[in-house]
Amino acid sequence: MTTADDAILLEAENWVRSGRRAALATVVETWGSAPRPVGSRILVDDQGHFLGSVSGGCVEADVISAALDAVETGKPRLLEFGVADETAWRVGLSCGGKIKVYVERIDGC
């Protein structure tokens, strides 16, 4: 059985093979009440199209922005969002937990 996150990896492969420039963001750590579990992913292309979710919507805009930057620069980033962080309140992560999201450009072989 293929999970939604497995399907995102398969779609990432399709995007790269078809020449789309893209980045993948993955939840790598959670603490407390987190909106999505470790391993949740969002795939973003250089036009801002995306597939998946890392937060159920509360930090997606910041993650998509970081993904677009990763597509352009090739530099990966580790993003951290938590209820104690004023950025988390601004973007809506008020669930009481913390998440770390690793964002990296994906390239063809």
Protein backbone atom coordinates (compact mmCIF):
# COMPACT_ATOMS: atom_id res chain seq x y z
CA MET A 1 0.00 0.00 0.00
CA THR A 2 1.37 3.42 -0.99
CA THR A 3 1.02 6.23 1.52
CA ALA A 4 0.43 9.85 0.55
CA ASP A 5 4.02 10.67 1.46
CA ASP A 6 5.31 7.79 -0.70
CA ALA A 7 3.21 9.16 -3.56
CA ILE A 8 4.89 12.54 -3.11
CA LEU A 9 8.31 10.90 -3.55
CA LEU A 10 7.11 9.18 -6.71
CA GLU A 11 5.76 12.47 -8.02
CA ALA A 12 9.07 14.18 -7.15
CA GLU A 13 10.82 11.63 -9.35
CA ASN A 14 8.35 12.35 -12.16
CA TRP A 15 8.85 16.11 -11.84
CA VAL A 16 12.65 15.80 -11.98
CA ARG A 17 12.54 13.41 -14.94
CA SER A 18 10.30 15.82 -16.84
CA GLY A 19 12.75 18.68 -16.22
CA ARG A 20 10.86 20.56 -13.52
CA ARG A 21 13.06 22.30 -10.98
CA ALA A 22 11.88 21.44 -7.49
CA ALA A 23 12.56 21.18 -3.78
CA LEU A 24 11.35 18.75 -1.17
CA ALA A 25 10.58 19.72 2.42
CA THR A 26 10.35 16.97 5.04
CA VAL A 27 9.31 17.06 8.70
CA VAL A 28 12.38 15.66 10.46
CA GLU A 29 11.47 16.25 14.10
CA THR A 30 8.38 17.00 16.16
CA TRP A 31 7.77 17.73 19.81
CA GLY A 32 4.49 17.98 21.65
CA SER A 33 1.32 18.56 19.68
CA ALA A 34 2.54 18.71 16.09
CA PRO A 35 0.15 19.06 13.15
CA ARG A 36 1.86 16.38 10.99
CA PRO A 37 4.17 13.47 11.87
CA VAL A 38 7.86 13.02 11.09
CA GLY A 39 8.23 12.04 7.44
CA SER A 40 5.46 14.32 6.18
CA ARG A 41 6.49 16.07 2.97
CA ILE A 42 5.69 18.90 0.61
CA LEU A 43 7.04 19.06 -2.93
CA VAL A 44 7.40 22.51 -4.50
CA ASP A 45 8.40 23.45 -8.05
CA ASP A 46 10.03 26.68 -9.21
CA GLN A 47 6.63 28.07 -10.25
CA GLY A 48 5.21 27.68 -6.73
CA HIS A 49 3.07 24.63 -7.49
CA PHE A 50 3.08 22.23 -4.58
CA LEU A 51 1.91 18.80 -3.48
CA GLY A 52 1.61 17.55 0.09
CA SER A 53 1.72 19.15 3.52
CA VAL A 54 4.13 19.52 6.41
CA SER A 55 1.83 21.32 8.82
CA GLY A 56 -1.78 21.07 7.85
CA GLY A 57 -1.51 24.61 6.50
CA CYS A 58 -0.20 26.62 9.44
CA VAL A 59 3.41 27.08 8.24
CA GLU A 60 3.11 26.05 4.58
CA ALA A 61 3.68 29.56 3.18
CA ASP A 62 7.04 29.92 4.95
CA VAL A 63 8.09 26.40 3.94
CA ILE A 64 7.10 27.02 0.30
CA SER A 65 9.09 30.26 0.32
CA ALA A 66 12.15 28.42 1.68
CA ALA A 67 11.66 25.69 -0.95
CA LEU A 68 11.59 28.28 -3.74
CA ASP A 69 14.83 29.72 -2.36
CA ALA A 70 16.39 26.24 -2.26
CA VAL A 71 15.43 25.66 -5.90
CA GLU A 72 17.24 28.86 -6.87
CA THR A 73 20.31 28.65 -4.65
CA GLY A 74 20.74 24.91 -4.13
CA LYS A 75 21.28 25.57 -0.42
CA PRO A 76 19.34 23.32 1.98
CA ARG A 77 17.83 24.76 5.16
CA LEU A 78 16.52 23.46 8.44
CA LEU A 79 13.45 25.41 9.50
CA GLU A 80 12.14 25.37 13.06
CA PHE A 81 8.65 26.38 14.13
CA GLY A 82 7.28 26.32 17.65
CA VAL A 83 4.62 27.92 19.76
CA ALA A 84 7.22 29.87 21.77
CA ASP A 85 8.68 31.34 18.58
CA GLU A 86 7.07 34.63 17.52
CA THR A 87 7.41 33.45 13.91
CA ALA A 88 5.24 30.44 14.76
CA TRP A 89 2.48 32.69 16.04
CA ARG A 90 2.76 34.87 12.95
CA VAL A 91 2.38 31.88 10.63
CA GLY A 92 -0.21 30.17 12.79
CA LEU A 93 1.54 27.28 14.59
CA SER A 94 -0.38 27.67 17.82
CA CYS A 95 -0.96 23.96 18.48
CA GLY A 96 1.53 23.91 21.34
CA GLY A 97 4.18 21.83 19.63
CA LYS A 98 7.37 22.28 17.65
CA ILE A 99 8.42 21.02 14.25
CA LYS A 100 11.66 20.98 12.29
CA VAL A 101 11.45 20.87 8.51
CA TYR A 102 14.42 20.10 6.26
CA VAL A 103 14.19 21.77 2.85
CA GLU A 104 16.41 20.67 -0.05
CA ARG A 105 16.55 21.06 -3.81
CA ILE A 106 16.10 17.81 -5.72
CA ASP A 107 18.01 17.22 -8.92
CA GLY A 108 18.10 14.53 -11.55
CA CYS A 109 21.00 12.12 -11.76
